[in-house]
N, C-alpha and C. Protein backbone atom coordinates (compact mmCIF):
# COMPACT_ATOMS: atom_id res chain seq x y z
N MET A 1 72.17 40.25 59.61
CA MET A 1 70.91 40.89 59.81
C MET A 1 70.37 41.47 58.50
N ALA A 2 71.23 42.01 57.70
CA ALA A 2 70.82 42.55 56.41
C ALA A 2 70.33 41.44 55.49
N GLU A 3 70.97 40.27 55.62
CA GLU A 3 70.54 39.13 54.81
C GLU A 3 69.13 38.69 55.18
N GLN A 4 68.84 38.67 56.45
CA GLN A 4 67.53 38.25 56.92
C GLN A 4 66.47 39.24 56.46
N ALA A 5 66.76 40.51 56.48
CA ALA A 5 65.81 41.52 56.03
C ALA A 5 65.55 41.37 54.53
N ARG A 6 66.61 41.06 53.75
CA ARG A 6 66.44 40.87 52.32
C ARG A 6 65.57 39.64 52.03
N LYS A 7 65.74 38.55 52.79
CA LYS A 7 64.92 37.35 52.61
C LYS A 7 63.45 37.66 52.90
N GLU A 8 63.20 38.44 53.94
CA GLU A 8 61.83 38.78 54.30
C GLU A 8 61.17 39.63 53.22
N THR A 9 61.91 40.60 52.65
CA THR A 9 61.33 41.41 51.58
C THR A 9 61.13 40.59 50.32
N ASP A 10 62.04 39.63 50.03
CA ASP A 10 61.85 38.76 48.87
C ASP A 10 60.61 37.90 49.04
N ILE A 11 60.42 37.41 50.25
CA ILE A 11 59.25 36.58 50.51
C ILE A 11 57.98 37.40 50.38
N LYS A 12 57.99 38.64 50.91
CA LYS A 12 56.82 39.50 50.82
C LYS A 12 56.51 39.89 49.38
N GLU A 13 57.52 40.11 48.58
CA GLU A 13 57.33 40.52 47.19
C GLU A 13 57.03 39.33 46.28
N GLY A 14 57.15 38.14 46.78
CA GLY A 14 56.87 36.97 45.97
C GLY A 14 58.08 36.46 45.22
N GLY A 15 59.26 36.90 45.55
CA GLY A 15 60.44 36.46 44.83
C GLY A 15 61.14 35.31 45.51
N GLY A 16 60.72 34.86 46.66
CA GLY A 16 61.39 33.79 47.38
C GLY A 16 60.92 32.42 46.95
N LYS A 17 61.61 31.40 47.44
CA LYS A 17 61.28 30.03 47.06
C LYS A 17 59.96 29.57 47.68
N GLN A 18 59.65 30.09 48.85
CA GLN A 18 58.43 29.64 49.51
C GLN A 18 57.17 30.02 48.74
N SER A 19 57.15 31.18 48.12
CA SER A 19 55.96 31.61 47.39
C SER A 19 55.77 30.81 46.10
N THR A 20 56.85 30.35 45.47
CA THR A 20 56.71 29.56 44.25
C THR A 20 56.15 28.17 44.54
N LYS A 21 56.37 27.66 45.72
CA LYS A 21 55.81 26.35 46.07
C LYS A 21 54.31 26.44 46.32
N LYS A 22 53.81 27.57 46.80
CA LYS A 22 52.40 27.71 47.11
C LYS A 22 51.57 27.88 45.83
N LYS A 23 52.08 28.52 44.82
CA LYS A 23 51.32 28.75 43.59
C LYS A 23 50.97 27.45 42.88
N PRO A 24 51.90 26.54 42.65
CA PRO A 24 51.50 25.30 41.97
C PRO A 24 50.49 24.48 42.76
N ARG A 25 50.59 24.44 44.07
CA ARG A 25 49.61 23.69 44.85
C ARG A 25 48.24 24.33 44.71
N TYR A 26 48.19 25.62 44.72
CA TYR A 26 46.94 26.34 44.56
C TYR A 26 46.37 26.09 43.16
N LEU A 27 47.21 26.13 42.15
CA LEU A 27 46.75 25.90 40.79
C LEU A 27 46.31 24.45 40.58
N TYR A 28 47.04 23.52 41.17
CA TYR A 28 46.63 22.11 41.07
C TYR A 28 45.29 21.88 41.74
N ALA A 29 45.08 22.47 42.89
CA ALA A 29 43.81 22.32 43.60
C ALA A 29 42.67 22.93 42.79
N LEU A 30 42.92 24.10 42.21
CA LEU A 30 41.90 24.76 41.40
C LEU A 30 41.58 23.93 40.15
N ALA A 31 42.60 23.40 39.50
CA ALA A 31 42.40 22.56 38.32
C ALA A 31 41.62 21.29 38.68
N PHE A 32 41.92 20.71 39.84
CA PHE A 32 41.22 19.51 40.29
C PHE A 32 39.74 19.80 40.54
N VAL A 33 39.46 20.92 41.18
CA VAL A 33 38.06 21.30 41.46
C VAL A 33 37.31 21.55 40.15
N LEU A 34 37.95 22.25 39.22
CA LEU A 34 37.32 22.51 37.92
C LEU A 34 37.07 21.21 37.16
N LEU A 35 38.00 20.27 37.24
CA LEU A 35 37.83 18.97 36.59
C LEU A 35 36.65 18.21 37.19
N LEU A 36 36.53 18.24 38.52
CA LEU A 36 35.39 17.58 39.17
C LEU A 36 34.07 18.22 38.76
N LEU A 37 34.04 19.55 38.68
CA LEU A 37 32.83 20.23 38.27
C LEU A 37 32.45 19.88 36.83
N ALA A 38 33.43 19.85 35.95
CA ALA A 38 33.17 19.51 34.55
C ALA A 38 32.69 18.07 34.43
N LEU A 39 33.30 17.16 35.17
CA LEU A 39 32.89 15.76 35.14
C LEU A 39 31.47 15.59 35.68
N SER A 40 31.16 16.27 36.78
CA SER A 40 29.81 16.19 37.35
C SER A 40 28.77 16.74 36.39
N ALA A 41 29.08 17.87 35.76
CA ALA A 41 28.14 18.46 34.80
C ALA A 41 27.94 17.52 33.61
N GLY A 42 29.01 16.90 33.14
CA GLY A 42 28.89 15.97 32.02
C GLY A 42 28.03 14.76 32.38
N LEU A 43 28.24 14.22 33.57
CA LEU A 43 27.42 13.08 34.01
C LEU A 43 25.96 13.48 34.20
N TYR A 44 25.74 14.68 34.71
CA TYR A 44 24.37 15.14 34.92
C TYR A 44 23.63 15.29 33.60
N PHE A 45 24.26 15.95 32.63
CA PHE A 45 23.58 16.22 31.36
C PHE A 45 23.43 14.98 30.49
N THR A 46 24.26 13.98 30.66
CA THR A 46 24.09 12.75 29.89
C THR A 46 23.16 11.77 30.59
N GLY A 47 22.76 12.06 31.82
CA GLY A 47 21.84 11.19 32.53
C GLY A 47 22.51 10.06 33.27
N LEU A 48 23.83 10.01 33.26
CA LEU A 48 24.54 8.92 33.93
C LEU A 48 24.66 9.15 35.42
N LEU A 49 24.51 10.38 35.87
CA LEU A 49 24.66 10.69 37.29
C LEU A 49 23.59 9.99 38.12
N SER A 50 22.38 9.85 37.58
CA SER A 50 21.30 9.22 38.32
C SER A 50 21.58 7.74 38.58
N ARG A 51 22.44 7.12 37.79
CA ARG A 51 22.78 5.72 38.02
C ARG A 51 23.66 5.55 39.26
N PHE A 52 24.42 6.58 39.59
CA PHE A 52 25.35 6.49 40.71
C PHE A 52 24.76 6.99 42.02
N LEU A 53 23.65 7.71 41.98
CA LEU A 53 23.04 8.24 43.18
C LEU A 53 22.01 7.24 43.71
N PRO A 54 22.08 6.87 45.00
CA PRO A 54 21.11 5.92 45.54
C PRO A 54 19.76 6.59 45.77
N GLY A 55 18.70 5.82 45.62
CA GLY A 55 17.36 6.30 45.92
C GLY A 55 16.71 7.12 44.83
N GLN A 56 17.38 7.36 43.75
CA GLN A 56 16.79 8.15 42.67
C GLN A 56 16.62 7.30 41.42
N GLU A 57 16.16 6.10 41.59
CA GLU A 57 15.97 5.20 40.45
C GLU A 57 14.69 5.57 39.73
N GLN A 58 14.71 5.48 38.43
CA GLN A 58 13.53 5.78 37.65
C GLN A 58 12.67 4.53 37.56
N GLU A 59 11.39 4.73 37.83
CA GLU A 59 10.47 3.60 37.79
C GLU A 59 9.91 3.44 36.38
N VAL A 60 9.79 2.20 35.96
CA VAL A 60 9.18 1.90 34.68
C VAL A 60 7.67 1.85 34.89
N SER A 61 6.95 2.53 34.06
CA SER A 61 5.50 2.59 34.20
C SER A 61 4.90 1.21 33.94
N PRO A 62 4.09 0.69 34.87
CA PRO A 62 3.49 -0.62 34.65
C PRO A 62 2.41 -0.57 33.57
N ASP A 63 1.92 0.62 33.22
CA ASP A 63 0.88 0.74 32.21
C ASP A 63 1.43 0.54 30.80
N ALA A 64 2.71 0.81 30.60
CA ALA A 64 3.29 0.71 29.26
C ALA A 64 3.70 -0.74 28.98
N PRO A 65 2.99 -1.41 28.09
CA PRO A 65 3.35 -2.80 27.79
C PRO A 65 4.62 -2.84 26.94
N PRO A 66 5.29 -3.96 26.94
CA PRO A 66 6.49 -4.07 26.09
C PRO A 66 6.09 -4.07 24.62
N ARG A 67 7.00 -3.59 23.79
CA ARG A 67 6.76 -3.53 22.35
C ARG A 67 7.59 -4.61 21.67
N TYR A 68 6.98 -5.29 20.74
CA TYR A 68 7.65 -6.30 19.94
C TYR A 68 7.56 -5.88 18.48
N SER A 69 8.53 -6.31 17.70
CA SER A 69 8.46 -6.02 16.26
C SER A 69 8.92 -7.24 15.49
N LEU A 70 8.39 -7.35 14.29
CA LEU A 70 8.70 -8.49 13.44
C LEU A 70 8.81 -8.00 12.00
N PRO A 71 9.91 -8.30 11.33
CA PRO A 71 10.03 -7.86 9.94
C PRO A 71 9.33 -8.84 9.00
N LEU A 72 8.76 -8.30 7.96
CA LEU A 72 8.24 -9.12 6.87
C LEU A 72 9.22 -8.98 5.72
N SER A 73 9.38 -10.05 4.96
CA SER A 73 10.34 -9.98 3.85
C SER A 73 9.87 -8.96 2.81
N GLU A 74 10.75 -8.62 1.92
CA GLU A 74 10.54 -7.54 0.96
C GLU A 74 9.32 -7.77 0.07
N PHE A 75 8.60 -6.68 -0.20
CA PHE A 75 7.48 -6.68 -1.13
C PHE A 75 7.91 -5.96 -2.40
N GLN A 76 7.52 -6.51 -3.55
CA GLN A 76 7.76 -5.84 -4.82
C GLN A 76 6.52 -6.06 -5.67
N VAL A 77 5.77 -4.97 -5.90
CA VAL A 77 4.50 -5.08 -6.62
C VAL A 77 4.39 -3.98 -7.68
N ASN A 78 3.58 -4.26 -8.70
CA ASN A 78 3.25 -3.25 -9.70
C ASN A 78 2.15 -2.36 -9.13
N LEU A 79 2.24 -1.07 -9.41
CA LEU A 79 1.23 -0.13 -8.95
C LEU A 79 0.11 -0.03 -9.98
N ALA A 80 -1.00 0.60 -9.60
CA ALA A 80 -2.20 0.67 -10.45
C ALA A 80 -2.18 1.86 -11.40
N ASP A 81 -1.04 2.43 -11.71
CA ASP A 81 -0.97 3.54 -12.66
C ASP A 81 -1.32 3.04 -14.05
N ALA A 82 -2.22 3.77 -14.74
CA ALA A 82 -2.69 3.33 -16.05
C ALA A 82 -1.71 3.68 -17.17
N GLY A 83 -1.08 4.83 -17.11
CA GLY A 83 -0.26 5.28 -18.22
C GLY A 83 1.11 4.64 -18.29
N ALA A 84 1.69 4.26 -17.19
CA ALA A 84 3.06 3.74 -17.19
C ALA A 84 3.16 2.53 -16.28
N ARG A 85 4.21 1.77 -16.51
CA ARG A 85 4.46 0.60 -15.65
C ARG A 85 5.32 1.08 -14.49
N ARG A 86 4.73 1.19 -13.33
CA ARG A 86 5.43 1.64 -12.13
C ARG A 86 5.38 0.51 -11.12
N PHE A 87 6.43 0.41 -10.31
CA PHE A 87 6.41 -0.61 -9.27
C PHE A 87 6.88 -0.04 -7.95
N LEU A 88 6.56 -0.76 -6.91
CA LEU A 88 6.87 -0.36 -5.54
C LEU A 88 7.64 -1.49 -4.89
N ARG A 89 8.75 -1.16 -4.25
CA ARG A 89 9.50 -2.15 -3.47
C ARG A 89 9.59 -1.61 -2.06
N MET A 90 9.24 -2.44 -1.08
CA MET A 90 9.25 -1.98 0.30
C MET A 90 9.49 -3.13 1.27
N THR A 91 9.97 -2.76 2.44
CA THR A 91 10.15 -3.69 3.56
C THR A 91 9.38 -3.12 4.74
N ILE A 92 8.67 -3.98 5.44
CA ILE A 92 7.78 -3.55 6.52
C ILE A 92 8.17 -4.25 7.82
N TYR A 93 8.09 -3.51 8.92
CA TYR A 93 8.17 -4.08 10.27
C TYR A 93 6.81 -3.90 10.91
N LEU A 94 6.33 -4.95 11.56
CA LEU A 94 5.07 -4.89 12.30
C LEU A 94 5.38 -4.73 13.78
N ALA A 95 4.75 -3.77 14.44
CA ALA A 95 4.94 -3.56 15.87
C ALA A 95 3.65 -3.97 16.59
N TYR A 96 3.82 -4.70 17.70
CA TYR A 96 2.66 -5.18 18.45
C TYR A 96 3.04 -5.29 19.92
N ASP A 97 2.01 -5.43 20.77
CA ASP A 97 2.23 -5.41 22.21
C ASP A 97 2.13 -6.78 22.88
N GLU A 98 1.44 -7.72 22.27
CA GLU A 98 1.26 -9.04 22.87
C GLU A 98 2.29 -10.01 22.31
N SER A 99 2.99 -10.71 23.19
CA SER A 99 4.02 -11.65 22.72
C SER A 99 3.40 -12.85 22.01
N ALA A 100 2.17 -13.21 22.36
CA ALA A 100 1.51 -14.35 21.72
C ALA A 100 1.18 -14.07 20.26
N LEU A 101 1.15 -12.81 19.89
CA LEU A 101 0.82 -12.45 18.51
C LEU A 101 1.92 -12.86 17.53
N ALA A 102 3.14 -13.02 18.02
CA ALA A 102 4.26 -13.40 17.14
C ALA A 102 4.01 -14.77 16.51
N GLU A 103 3.46 -15.69 17.27
CA GLU A 103 3.18 -17.02 16.73
C GLU A 103 2.10 -16.97 15.65
N GLU A 104 1.06 -16.17 15.90
CA GLU A 104 -0.01 -16.06 14.91
C GLU A 104 0.49 -15.39 13.63
N ILE A 105 1.31 -14.36 13.78
CA ILE A 105 1.86 -13.68 12.60
C ILE A 105 2.73 -14.63 11.80
N ALA A 106 3.55 -15.41 12.49
CA ALA A 106 4.41 -16.37 11.78
C ALA A 106 3.58 -17.43 11.07
N ALA A 107 2.51 -17.89 11.71
CA ALA A 107 1.68 -18.93 11.10
C ALA A 107 0.85 -18.39 9.93
N ARG A 108 0.46 -17.13 10.00
CA ARG A 108 -0.41 -16.56 8.97
C ARG A 108 0.31 -15.59 8.04
N GLU A 109 1.63 -15.66 8.01
CA GLU A 109 2.39 -14.72 7.18
C GLU A 109 2.02 -14.78 5.70
N PRO A 110 1.81 -15.96 5.10
CA PRO A 110 1.40 -15.95 3.68
C PRO A 110 0.09 -15.21 3.43
N GLU A 111 -0.88 -15.40 4.33
CA GLU A 111 -2.15 -14.68 4.19
C GLU A 111 -1.95 -13.17 4.35
N MET A 112 -1.13 -12.81 5.32
CA MET A 112 -0.87 -11.39 5.58
C MET A 112 -0.16 -10.75 4.39
N ARG A 113 0.80 -11.45 3.84
CA ARG A 113 1.52 -10.92 2.67
C ARG A 113 0.56 -10.73 1.49
N SER A 114 -0.34 -11.67 1.31
CA SER A 114 -1.32 -11.57 0.23
C SER A 114 -2.22 -10.35 0.41
N GLU A 115 -2.66 -10.11 1.63
CA GLU A 115 -3.51 -8.94 1.91
C GLU A 115 -2.74 -7.64 1.69
N ILE A 116 -1.48 -7.60 2.11
CA ILE A 116 -0.66 -6.40 1.93
C ILE A 116 -0.43 -6.14 0.44
N ILE A 117 -0.16 -7.19 -0.32
CA ILE A 117 0.04 -7.04 -1.77
C ILE A 117 -1.24 -6.52 -2.43
N ALA A 118 -2.40 -7.00 -1.98
CA ALA A 118 -3.66 -6.52 -2.55
C ALA A 118 -3.85 -5.03 -2.27
N VAL A 119 -3.49 -4.59 -1.08
CA VAL A 119 -3.60 -3.16 -0.75
C VAL A 119 -2.64 -2.36 -1.61
N LEU A 120 -1.41 -2.85 -1.76
CA LEU A 120 -0.40 -2.11 -2.52
C LEU A 120 -0.73 -2.02 -4.00
N ARG A 121 -1.29 -3.08 -4.57
CA ARG A 121 -1.59 -3.09 -6.02
C ARG A 121 -2.72 -2.13 -6.38
N ASP A 122 -3.53 -1.75 -5.41
CA ASP A 122 -4.62 -0.80 -5.67
C ASP A 122 -4.15 0.65 -5.61
N LYS A 123 -2.92 0.90 -5.21
CA LYS A 123 -2.41 2.26 -5.06
C LYS A 123 -1.74 2.75 -6.34
N THR A 124 -1.81 4.06 -6.55
CA THR A 124 -1.09 4.70 -7.65
C THR A 124 0.04 5.54 -7.04
N VAL A 125 0.91 6.05 -7.90
CA VAL A 125 2.00 6.89 -7.42
C VAL A 125 1.44 8.14 -6.74
N ALA A 126 0.36 8.69 -7.29
CA ALA A 126 -0.26 9.88 -6.71
C ALA A 126 -0.80 9.59 -5.31
N ASP A 127 -1.29 8.36 -5.08
CA ASP A 127 -1.80 7.99 -3.76
C ASP A 127 -0.69 7.95 -2.72
N LEU A 128 0.53 7.67 -3.14
CA LEU A 128 1.64 7.46 -2.20
C LEU A 128 2.51 8.70 -2.00
N GLU A 129 2.18 9.80 -2.68
CA GLU A 129 3.01 10.99 -2.58
C GLU A 129 2.81 11.71 -1.25
N GLY A 130 3.90 12.19 -0.70
CA GLY A 130 3.87 13.01 0.51
C GLY A 130 3.64 12.21 1.77
N PRO A 131 3.76 12.87 2.90
CA PRO A 131 3.54 12.20 4.19
C PRO A 131 2.11 11.71 4.36
N GLU A 132 1.15 12.45 3.79
CA GLU A 132 -0.24 12.03 3.92
C GLU A 132 -0.49 10.71 3.19
N GLY A 133 0.14 10.56 2.03
CA GLY A 133 -0.01 9.32 1.28
C GLY A 133 0.59 8.13 2.00
N MET A 134 1.74 8.35 2.63
CA MET A 134 2.38 7.25 3.37
C MET A 134 1.56 6.90 4.62
N ALA A 135 1.02 7.92 5.28
CA ALA A 135 0.19 7.66 6.46
C ALA A 135 -1.08 6.90 6.07
N ALA A 136 -1.67 7.27 4.94
CA ALA A 136 -2.87 6.56 4.47
C ALA A 136 -2.54 5.11 4.13
N LEU A 137 -1.37 4.88 3.53
CA LEU A 137 -0.96 3.51 3.22
C LEU A 137 -0.76 2.70 4.50
N GLN A 138 -0.12 3.30 5.49
CA GLN A 138 0.06 2.61 6.77
C GLN A 138 -1.28 2.25 7.39
N GLU A 139 -2.21 3.19 7.38
CA GLU A 139 -3.53 2.93 7.96
C GLU A 139 -4.28 1.84 7.20
N ALA A 140 -4.18 1.84 5.89
CA ALA A 140 -4.87 0.82 5.09
C ALA A 140 -4.31 -0.57 5.36
N ILE A 141 -2.99 -0.67 5.42
CA ILE A 141 -2.37 -1.98 5.70
C ILE A 141 -2.70 -2.42 7.11
N LEU A 142 -2.63 -1.49 8.06
CA LEU A 142 -2.91 -1.80 9.46
C LEU A 142 -4.35 -2.29 9.63
N ALA A 143 -5.30 -1.63 9.01
CA ALA A 143 -6.71 -2.04 9.11
C ALA A 143 -6.91 -3.42 8.50
N GLN A 144 -6.28 -3.69 7.37
CA GLN A 144 -6.43 -4.98 6.71
C GLN A 144 -5.85 -6.11 7.57
N LEU A 145 -4.68 -5.87 8.17
CA LEU A 145 -4.05 -6.91 8.99
C LEU A 145 -4.83 -7.16 10.27
N ASN A 146 -5.30 -6.09 10.91
CA ASN A 146 -6.01 -6.26 12.18
C ASN A 146 -7.36 -6.94 12.00
N GLN A 147 -7.95 -6.89 10.81
CA GLN A 147 -9.19 -7.62 10.55
C GLN A 147 -8.98 -9.12 10.59
N MET A 148 -7.80 -9.56 10.18
CA MET A 148 -7.58 -11.00 10.08
C MET A 148 -6.94 -11.61 11.33
N LEU A 149 -6.36 -10.81 12.20
CA LEU A 149 -5.70 -11.34 13.40
C LEU A 149 -6.70 -11.61 14.51
N GLN A 150 -6.46 -12.70 15.27
CA GLN A 150 -7.37 -13.08 16.34
C GLN A 150 -6.72 -12.98 17.72
N GLU A 151 -5.41 -13.15 17.81
CA GLU A 151 -4.71 -13.17 19.10
C GLU A 151 -4.39 -11.77 19.64
N GLY A 152 -4.50 -10.77 18.81
CA GLY A 152 -4.17 -9.41 19.22
C GLY A 152 -4.22 -8.49 18.02
N GLN A 153 -3.67 -7.32 18.19
CA GLN A 153 -3.69 -6.31 17.14
C GLN A 153 -2.29 -5.79 16.87
N VAL A 154 -1.99 -5.51 15.62
CA VAL A 154 -0.75 -4.83 15.26
C VAL A 154 -0.98 -3.36 15.57
N SER A 155 -0.08 -2.76 16.34
CA SER A 155 -0.29 -1.36 16.75
C SER A 155 0.33 -0.36 15.78
N SER A 156 1.41 -0.73 15.12
CA SER A 156 2.08 0.19 14.18
C SER A 156 2.74 -0.59 13.06
N ILE A 157 2.92 0.11 11.97
CA ILE A 157 3.66 -0.43 10.82
C ILE A 157 4.77 0.55 10.50
N TYR A 158 5.97 0.02 10.31
CA TYR A 158 7.12 0.85 9.98
C TYR A 158 7.68 0.43 8.63
N PHE A 159 7.90 1.40 7.76
CA PHE A 159 8.53 1.15 6.48
C PHE A 159 10.02 1.36 6.64
N THR A 160 10.81 0.32 6.46
CA THR A 160 12.26 0.45 6.58
C THR A 160 12.92 0.64 5.23
N GLU A 161 12.21 0.29 4.17
CA GLU A 161 12.70 0.52 2.81
C GLU A 161 11.49 0.81 1.95
N LEU A 162 11.61 1.82 1.10
CA LEU A 162 10.50 2.17 0.22
C LEU A 162 11.07 2.76 -1.06
N LEU A 163 10.75 2.14 -2.17
CA LEU A 163 11.24 2.60 -3.47
C LEU A 163 10.10 2.54 -4.46
N ILE A 164 9.86 3.66 -5.14
CA ILE A 164 8.84 3.72 -6.19
C ILE A 164 9.55 4.06 -7.49
N GLN A 165 9.35 3.23 -8.51
CA GLN A 165 9.95 3.50 -9.82
C GLN A 165 8.91 3.38 -10.89
């Protein structure tokens, strides 16, 4: 009888074998729940959760046309600076919305390159300085190209390489 009373007090105080078995199960369950919460939060914040949930598909706007781009080979021209011999080396990507425009650009690439070179040769280093100078250069090239195209319009010009020496 004394042994049974001692076992009951050990169990109540947490010193028995039965209480040690309950703690790891409780901790494992808590760790599992925390892991699920962390995984769900990670999927939510990366945007991957919407792929797994039915009925919450994102619709693509029918108003937004597809964008196409085409690189032109490297340009290397002398600038119009009077005091020193300066040159510009650049690579351009043309962005457009109509797929039929790719054929016209490919067919008229020599003419387009000639027009771009003419625009570039009229610029000085002072004309190209700062973001305003680069934006003005983009606008000048864009206007010149869109005057000669018939199948569509180039919507943007991207400089992927630009070096002034």
